[in-house]
Amino acid sequence: MKLELKKTNIHEPLNSSQVSELIQMALSDHVTFDDIYNQFGLKESDIKKIMRRNLKFASYRTWRKRVSAFSKRREFYK
């Protein structure tokens, strides 16, 4: 899955469509935090803050568990 990368200015606030795209990317198991950084210029901690603000608490907690488990498994991938 190849995504078109368009880096936004780090100092510009994200509009609602960009936030929606970021959330969709973050929820995907096929997109890494590095991919999101390359497109939006946001660090992992910034992504977590955006996700925490825009998801329900239980949804955020479930996402964090999945991301944490997936990142541990990713170390063993080719």
PDB file of N, CA and C in Angstrom:
ATOM      1  N   MET A   1       0.847  -1.173   0.000  1.00  0.00           N
ATOM      2  CA  MET A   1       0.000   0.000   0.000  1.00  0.00           C
ATOM      3  C   MET A   1       0.886   1.227   0.000  1.00  0.00           C
ATOM      4  N   LYS A   2       0.900   1.959  -1.085  1.00  0.00           N
ATOM      5  CA  LYS A   2       1.734   3.152  -1.220  1.00  0.00           C
ATOM      6  C   LYS A   2       0.867   4.385  -1.022  1.00  0.00           C
ATOM      7  N   LEU A   3       1.261   5.232  -0.110  1.00  0.00           N
ATOM      8  CA  LEU A   3       0.530   6.461   0.161  1.00  0.00           C
ATOM      9  C   LEU A   3       1.240   7.634  -0.482  1.00  0.00           C
ATOM     10  N   GLU A   4       0.462   8.559  -0.991  1.00  0.00           N
ATOM     11  CA  GLU A   4       1.045   9.785  -1.533  1.00  0.00           C
ATOM     12  C   GLU A   4       1.432  10.666  -0.350  1.00  0.00           C
ATOM     13  N   LEU A   5       2.698  11.022  -0.291  1.00  0.00           N
ATOM     14  CA  LEU A   5       3.181  11.815   0.832  1.00  0.00           C
ATOM     15  C   LEU A   5       3.166  13.287   0.475  1.00  0.00           C
ATOM     16  N   LYS A   6       2.524  14.064   1.290  1.00  0.00           N
ATOM     17  CA  LYS A   6       2.533  15.513   1.133  1.00  0.00           C
ATOM     18  C   LYS A   6       2.783  16.101   2.510  1.00  0.00           C
ATOM     19  N   LYS A   7       3.970  16.559   2.739  1.00  0.00           N
ATOM     20  CA  LYS A   7       4.347  17.044   4.064  1.00  0.00           C
ATOM     21  C   LYS A   7       3.728  18.418   4.308  1.00  0.00           C
ATOM     22  N   THR A   8       3.081  18.551   5.439  1.00  0.00           N
ATOM     23  CA  THR A   8       2.502  19.827   5.810  1.00  0.00           C
ATOM     24  C   THR A   8       3.486  20.574   6.702  1.00  0.00           C
ATOM     25  N   ASN A   9       3.291  21.857   6.802  1.00  0.00           N
ATOM     26  CA  ASN A   9       4.137  22.676   7.658  1.00  0.00           C
ATOM     27  C   ASN A   9       3.852  22.316   9.115  1.00  0.00           C
ATOM     28  N   ILE A  10       4.890  22.055   9.868  1.00  0.00           N
ATOM     29  CA  ILE A  10       4.751  21.631  11.264  1.00  0.00           C
ATOM     30  C   ILE A  10       4.060  22.708  12.111  1.00  0.00           C
ATOM     31  N   HIS A  11       4.242  23.954  11.749  1.00  0.00           N
ATOM     32  CA  HIS A  11       3.727  25.044  12.575  1.00  0.00           C
ATOM     33  C   HIS A  11       2.275  25.388  12.249  1.00  0.00           C
ATOM     34  N   GLU A  12       1.738  24.856  11.168  1.00  0.00           N
ATOM     35  CA  GLU A  12       0.348  25.124  10.823  1.00  0.00           C
ATOM     36  C   GLU A  12      -0.555  24.159  11.579  1.00  0.00           C
ATOM     37  N   PRO A  13      -1.659  24.664  12.130  1.00  0.00           N
ATOM     38  CA  PRO A  13      -2.598  23.737  12.785  1.00  0.00           C
ATOM     39  C   PRO A  13      -3.286  22.868  11.730  1.00  0.00           C
ATOM     40  N   LEU A  14      -3.639  21.664  12.109  1.00  0.00           N
ATOM     41  CA  LEU A  14      -4.303  20.753  11.189  1.00  0.00           C
ATOM     42  C   LEU A  14      -5.775  21.114  11.084  1.00  0.00           C
ATOM     43  N   ASN A  15      -6.305  21.068   9.859  1.00  0.00           N
ATOM     44  CA  ASN A  15      -7.739  21.286   9.709  1.00  0.00           C
ATOM     45  C   ASN A  15      -8.464  19.969   9.964  1.00  0.00           C
ATOM     46  N   SER A  16      -9.791  20.000   9.957  1.00  0.00           N
ATOM     47  CA  SER A  16     -10.555  18.810  10.343  1.00  0.00           C
ATOM     48  C   SER A  16     -10.341  17.651   9.375  1.00  0.00           C
ATOM     49  N   SER A  17     -10.160  17.926   8.095  1.00  0.00           N
ATOM     50  CA  SER A  17      -9.939  16.819   7.158  1.00  0.00           C
ATOM     51  C   SER A  17      -8.562  16.198   7.363  1.00  0.00           C
ATOM     52  N   GLN A  18      -7.561  17.006   7.723  1.00  0.00           N
ATOM     53  CA  GLN A  18      -6.233  16.473   8.007  1.00  0.00           C
ATOM     54  C   GLN A  18      -6.246  15.645   9.289  1.00  0.00           C
ATOM     55  N   VAL A  19      -6.970  16.099  10.298  1.00  0.00           N
ATOM     56  CA  VAL A  19      -7.092  15.338  11.547  1.00  0.00           C
ATOM     57  C   VAL A  19      -7.774  14.005  11.268  1.00  0.00           C
ATOM     58  N   SER A  20      -8.812  14.032  10.449  1.00  0.00           N
ATOM     59  CA  SER A  20      -9.514  12.807  10.091  1.00  0.00           C
ATOM     60  C   SER A  20      -8.593  11.844   9.347  1.00  0.00           C
ATOM     61  N   GLU A  21      -7.800  12.357   8.411  1.00  0.00           N
ATOM     62  CA  GLU A  21      -6.852  11.528   7.676  1.00  0.00           C
ATOM     63  C   GLU A  21      -5.790  10.957   8.611  1.00  0.00           C
ATOM     64  N   LEU A  22      -5.301  11.782   9.541  1.00  0.00           N
ATOM     65  CA  LEU A  22      -4.299  11.332  10.499  1.00  0.00           C
ATOM     66  C   LEU A  22      -4.849  10.216  11.374  1.00  0.00           C
ATOM     67  N   ILE A  23      -6.077  10.365  11.857  1.00  0.00           N
ATOM     68  CA  ILE A  23      -6.697   9.338  12.694  1.00  0.00           C
ATOM     69  C   ILE A  23      -6.862   8.044  11.908  1.00  0.00           C
ATOM     70  N   GLN A  24      -7.290   8.152  10.663  1.00  0.00           N
ATOM     71  CA  GLN A  24      -7.448   6.967   9.829  1.00  0.00           C
ATOM     72  C   GLN A  24      -6.107   6.261   9.641  1.00  0.00           C
ATOM     73  N   MET A  25      -5.056   7.027   9.407  1.00  0.00           N
ATOM     74  CA  MET A  25      -3.728   6.438   9.245  1.00  0.00           C
ATOM     75  C   MET A  25      -3.259   5.790  10.541  1.00  0.00           C
ATOM     76  N   ALA A  26      -3.476   6.468  11.659  1.00  0.00           N
ATOM     77  CA  ALA A  26      -3.025   5.951  12.951  1.00  0.00           C
ATOM     78  C   ALA A  26      -3.772   4.670  13.333  1.00  0.00           C
ATOM     79  N   LEU A  27      -5.028   4.562  12.947  1.00  0.00           N
ATOM     80  CA  LEU A  27      -5.805   3.367  13.260  1.00  0.00           C
ATOM     81  C   LEU A  27      -5.432   2.188  12.377  1.00  0.00           C
ATOM     82  N   SER A  28      -4.789   2.468  11.243  1.00  0.00           N
ATOM     83  CA  SER A  28      -4.397   1.401  10.321  1.00  0.00           C
ATOM     84  C   SER A  28      -3.174   0.657  10.860  1.00  0.00           C
ATOM     85  N   ASP A  29      -3.185  -0.647  10.715  1.00  0.00           N
ATOM     86  CA  ASP A  29      -2.041  -1.455  11.143  1.00  0.00           C
ATOM     87  C   ASP A  29      -0.904  -1.405  10.131  1.00  0.00           C
ATOM     88  N   HIS A  30      -1.158  -0.845   8.957  1.00  0.00           N
ATOM     89  CA  HIS A  30      -0.171  -0.835   7.880  1.00  0.00           C
ATOM     90  C   HIS A  30       0.619   0.465   7.797  1.00  0.00           C
ATOM     91  N   VAL A  31       0.297   1.430   8.617  1.00  0.00           N
ATOM     92  CA  VAL A  31       0.965   2.734   8.590  1.00  0.00           C
ATOM     93  C   VAL A  31       1.728   2.911   9.895  1.00  0.00           C
ATOM     94  N   THR A  32       3.011   3.243   9.788  1.00  0.00           N
ATOM     95  CA  THR A  32       3.845   3.426  10.979  1.00  0.00           C
ATOM     96  C   THR A  32       3.816   4.889  11.418  1.00  0.00           C
ATOM     97  N   PHE A  33       4.306   5.126  12.624  1.00  0.00           N
ATOM     98  CA  PHE A  33       4.426   6.498  13.098  1.00  0.00           C
ATOM     99  C   PHE A  33       5.400   7.283  12.230  1.00  0.00           C
ATOM    100  N   ASP A  34       6.402   6.608  11.682  1.00  0.00           N
ATOM    101  CA  ASP A  34       7.350   7.275  10.784  1.00  0.00           C
ATOM    102  C   ASP A  34       6.662   7.748   9.507  1.00  0.00           C
ATOM    103  N   ASP A  35       5.734   6.953   8.984  1.00  0.00           N
ATOM    104  CA  ASP A  35       4.984   7.360   7.797  1.00  0.00           C
ATOM    105  C   ASP A  35       4.167   8.617   8.089  1.00  0.00           C
ATOM    106  N   ILE A  36       3.540   8.645   9.249  1.00  0.00           N
ATOM    107  CA  ILE A  36       2.741   9.812   9.629  1.00  0.00           C
ATOM    108  C   ILE A  36       3.650  11.021   9.838  1.00  0.00           C
ATOM    109  N   TYR A  37       4.823  10.801  10.428  1.00  0.00           N
ATOM    110  CA  TYR A  37       5.776  11.901  10.607  1.00  0.00           C
ATOM    111  C   TYR A  37       6.197  12.471   9.252  1.00  0.00           C
ATOM    112  N   ASN A  38       6.452  11.595   8.296  1.00  0.00           N
ATOM    113  CA  ASN A  38       6.868  12.053   6.970  1.00  0.00           C
ATOM    114  C   ASN A  38       5.795  12.872   6.277  1.00  0.00           C
ATOM    115  N   GLN A  39       4.536  12.557   6.523  1.00  0.00           N
ATOM    116  CA  GLN A  39       3.453  13.286   5.869  1.00  0.00           C
ATOM    117  C   GLN A  39       3.042  14.546   6.629  1.00  0.00           C
ATOM    118  N   PHE A  40       2.940  14.451   7.953  1.00  0.00           N
ATOM    119  CA  PHE A  40       2.406  15.563   8.732  1.00  0.00           C
ATOM    120  C   PHE A  40       3.448  16.282   9.580  1.00  0.00           C
ATOM    121  N   GLY A  41       4.619  15.675   9.768  1.00  0.00           N
ATOM    122  CA  GLY A  41       5.639  16.301  10.601  1.00  0.00           C
ATOM    123  C   GLY A  41       5.336  16.212  12.078  1.00  0.00           C
ATOM    124  N   LEU A  42       4.534  15.215  12.473  1.00  0.00           N
ATOM    125  CA  LEU A  42       4.145  15.058  13.878  1.00  0.00           C
ATOM    126  C   LEU A  42       4.868  13.867  14.489  1.00  0.00           C
ATOM    127  N   LYS A  43       5.351  14.058  15.702  1.00  0.00           N
ATOM    128  CA  LYS A  43       6.015  12.975  16.427  1.00  0.00           C
ATOM    129  C   LYS A  43       4.970  12.042  17.024  1.00  0.00           C
ATOM    130  N   GLU A  44       5.426  10.883  17.481  1.00  0.00           N
ATOM    131  CA  GLU A  44       4.519   9.895  18.072  1.00  0.00           C
ATOM    132  C   GLU A  44       3.741  10.491  19.244  1.00  0.00           C
ATOM    133  N   SER A  45       4.394  11.276  20.068  1.00  0.00           N
ATOM    134  CA  SER A  45       3.700  11.871  21.221  1.00  0.00           C
ATOM    135  C   SER A  45       2.608  12.846  20.774  1.00  0.00           C
ATOM    136  N   ASP A  46       2.844  13.576  19.683  1.00  0.00           N
ATOM    137  CA  ASP A  46       1.822  14.488  19.153  1.00  0.00           C
ATOM    138  C   ASP A  46       0.624  13.712  18.614  1.00  0.00           C
ATOM    139  N   ILE A  47       0.902  12.595  17.960  1.00  0.00           N
ATOM    140  CA  ILE A  47      -0.167  11.755  17.412  1.00  0.00           C
ATOM    141  C   ILE A  47      -1.018  11.199  18.548  1.00  0.00           C
ATOM    142  N   LYS A  48      -0.367  10.758  19.618  1.00  0.00           N
ATOM    143  CA  LYS A  48      -1.104  10.235  20.779  1.00  0.00           C
ATOM    144  C   LYS A  48      -2.013  11.300  21.371  1.00  0.00           C
ATOM    145  N   LYS A  49      -1.528  12.542  21.457  1.00  0.00           N
ATOM    146  CA  LYS A  49      -2.351  13.633  21.997  1.00  0.00           C
ATOM    147  C   LYS A  49      -3.574  13.880  21.121  1.00  0.00           C
ATOM    148  N   ILE A  50      -3.376  13.885  19.804  1.00  0.00           N
ATOM    149  CA  ILE A  50      -4.491  14.108  18.887  1.00  0.00           C
ATOM    150  C   ILE A  50      -5.497  12.968  18.999  1.00  0.00           C
ATOM    151  N   MET A  51      -4.988  11.747  19.067  1.00  0.00           N
ATOM    152  CA  MET A  51      -5.877  10.597  19.195  1.00  0.00           C
ATOM    153  C   MET A  51      -6.650  10.653  20.513  1.00  0.00           C
ATOM    154  N   ARG A  52      -5.982  11.028  21.592  1.00  0.00           N
ATOM    155  CA  ARG A  52      -6.638  11.102  22.905  1.00  0.00           C
ATOM    156  C   ARG A  52      -7.752  12.142  22.892  1.00  0.00           C
ATOM    157  N   ARG A  53      -7.521  13.260  22.202  1.00  0.00           N
ATOM    158  CA  ARG A  53      -8.533  14.320  22.138  1.00  0.00           C
ATOM    159  C   ARG A  53      -9.726  13.960  21.259  1.00  0.00           C
ATOM    160  N   ASN A  54      -9.506  13.104  20.250  1.00  0.00           N
ATOM    161  CA  ASN A  54     -10.540  12.875  19.248  1.00  0.00           C
ATOM    162  C   ASN A  54     -11.231  11.519  19.326  1.00  0.00           C
ATOM    163  N   LEU A  55     -10.731  10.617  20.158  1.00  0.00           N
ATOM    164  CA  LEU A  55     -11.375   9.316  20.324  1.00  0.00           C
ATOM    165  C   LEU A  55     -12.013   9.225  21.698  1.00  0.00           C
ATOM    166  N   LYS A  56     -12.992   8.360  21.807  1.00  0.00           N
ATOM    167  CA  LYS A  56     -13.542   8.066  23.122  1.00  0.00           C
ATOM    168  C   LYS A  56     -12.448   7.397  23.939  1.00  0.00           C
ATOM    169  N   PHE A  57     -12.548   7.515  25.258  1.00  0.00           N
ATOM    170  CA  PHE A  57     -11.493   6.991  26.126  1.00  0.00           C
ATOM    171  C   PHE A  57     -11.248   5.504  25.883  1.00  0.00           C
ATOM    172  N   ALA A  58     -12.319   4.706  25.822  1.00  0.00           N
ATOM    173  CA  ALA A  58     -12.155   3.258  25.623  1.00  0.00           C
ATOM    174  C   ALA A  58     -11.534   2.958  24.257  1.00  0.00           C
ATOM    175  N   SER A  59     -11.912   3.721  23.251  1.00  0.00           N
ATOM    176  CA  SER A  59     -11.349   3.529  21.908  1.00  0.00           C
ATOM    177  C   SER A  59      -9.871   3.883  21.903  1.00  0.00           C
ATOM    178  N   TYR A  60      -9.506   4.958  22.583  1.00  0.00           N
ATOM    179  CA  TYR A  60      -8.097   5.349  22.670  1.00  0.00           C
ATOM    180  C   TYR A  60      -7.286   4.275  23.395  1.00  0.00           C
ATOM    181  N   ARG A  61      -7.800   3.781  24.503  1.00  0.00           N
ATOM    182  CA  ARG A  61      -7.092   2.764  25.276  1.00  0.00           C
ATOM    183  C   ARG A  61      -6.902   1.482  24.453  1.00  0.00           C
ATOM    184  N   THR A  62      -7.937   1.079  23.726  1.00  0.00           N
ATOM    185  CA  THR A  62      -7.854  -0.107  22.874  1.00  0.00           C
ATOM    186  C   THR A  62      -6.828   0.103  21.771  1.00  0.00           C
ATOM    187  N   TRP A  63      -6.820   1.285  21.160  1.00  0.00           N
ATOM    188  CA  TRP A  63      -5.849   1.611  20.113  1.00  0.00           C
ATOM    189  C   TRP A  63      -4.426   1.547  20.660  1.00  0.00           C
ATOM    190  N   ARG A  64      -4.196   2.113  21.843  1.00  0.00           N
ATOM    191  CA  ARG A  64      -2.852   2.103  22.436  1.00  0.00           C
ATOM    192  C   ARG A  64      -2.387   0.669  22.715  1.00  0.00           C
ATOM    193  N   LYS A  65      -3.273  -0.173  23.218  1.00  0.00           N
ATOM    194  CA  LYS A  65      -2.906  -1.574  23.464  1.00  0.00           C
ATOM    195  C   LYS A  65      -2.510  -2.249  22.158  1.00  0.00           C
ATOM    196  N   ARG A  66      -3.306  -2.038  21.103  1.00  0.00           N
ATOM    197  CA  ARG A  66      -3.028  -2.665  19.817  1.00  0.00           C
ATOM    198  C   ARG A  66      -1.730  -2.152  19.221  1.00  0.00           C
ATOM    199  N   VAL A  67      -1.505  -0.850  19.282  1.00  0.00           N
ATOM    200  CA  VAL A  67      -0.279  -0.265  18.734  1.00  0.00           C
ATOM    201  C   VAL A  67       0.933  -0.770  19.507  1.00  0.00           C
ATOM    202  N   SER A  68       0.810  -0.843  20.809  1.00  0.00           N
ATOM    203  CA  SER A  68       1.913  -1.312  21.634  1.00  0.00           C
ATOM    204  C   SER A  68       2.260  -2.764  21.306  1.00  0.00           C
ATOM    205  N   ALA A  69       1.256  -3.603  21.215  1.00  0.00           N
ATOM    206  CA  ALA A  69       1.492  -5.020  20.900  1.00  0.00           C
ATOM    207  C   ALA A  69       2.045  -5.170  19.491  1.00  0.00           C
ATOM    208  N   PHE A  70       1.522  -4.401  18.552  1.00  0.00           N
ATOM    209  CA  PHE A  70       1.968  -4.502  17.167  1.00  0.00           C
ATOM    210  C   PHE A  70       3.409  -4.032  17.017  1.00  0.00           C
ATOM    211  N   SER A  71       3.783  -2.979  17.725  1.00  0.00           N
ATOM    212  CA  SER A  71       5.151  -2.470  17.613  1.00  0.00           C
ATOM    213  C   SER A  71       6.157  -3.470  18.178  1.00  0.00           C
ATOM    214  N   LYS A  72       5.774  -4.221  19.194  1.00  0.00           N
ATOM    215  CA  LYS A  72       6.664  -5.250  19.747  1.00  0.00           C
ATOM    216  C   LYS A  72       6.863  -6.386  18.747  1.00  0.00           C
ATOM    217  N   ARG A  73       5.795  -6.759  18.035  1.00  0.00           N
ATOM    218  CA  ARG A  73       5.898  -7.811  17.029  1.00  0.00           C
ATOM    219  C   ARG A  73       6.675  -7.329  15.818  1.00  0.00           C
ATOM    220  N   ARG A  74       6.556  -6.056  15.483  1.00  0.00           N
ATOM    221  CA  ARG A  74       7.202  -5.505  14.277  1.00  0.00           C
ATOM    222  C   ARG A  74       8.719  -5.664  14.348  1.00  0.00           C
ATOM    223  N   GLU A  75       9.306  -5.687  15.541  1.00  0.00           N
ATOM    224  CA  GLU A  75      10.763  -5.854  15.697  1.00  0.00           C
ATOM    225  C   GLU A  75      11.257  -7.140  15.042  1.00  0.00           C
ATOM    226  N   PHE A  76      10.386  -8.145  14.976  1.00  0.00           N
ATOM    227  CA  PHE A  76      10.810  -9.448  14.462  1.00  0.00           C
ATOM    228  C   PHE A  76      10.493  -9.618  12.977  1.00  0.00           C
ATOM    229  N   TYR A  77       9.849  -8.609  12.387  1.00  0.00           N
ATOM    230  CA  TYR A  77       9.543  -8.698  10.960  1.00  0.00           C
ATOM    231  C   TYR A  77      10.789  -8.428  10.142  1.00  0.00           C
ATOM    232  N   LYS A  78      10.761  -8.878   8.924  1.00  0.00           N
ATOM    233  CA  LYS A  78      11.877  -8.717   8.002  1.00  0.00           C
ATOM    234  C   LYS A  78      12.158  -7.258   7.733  1.00  0.00           C
TER     235      LYS A  78
END
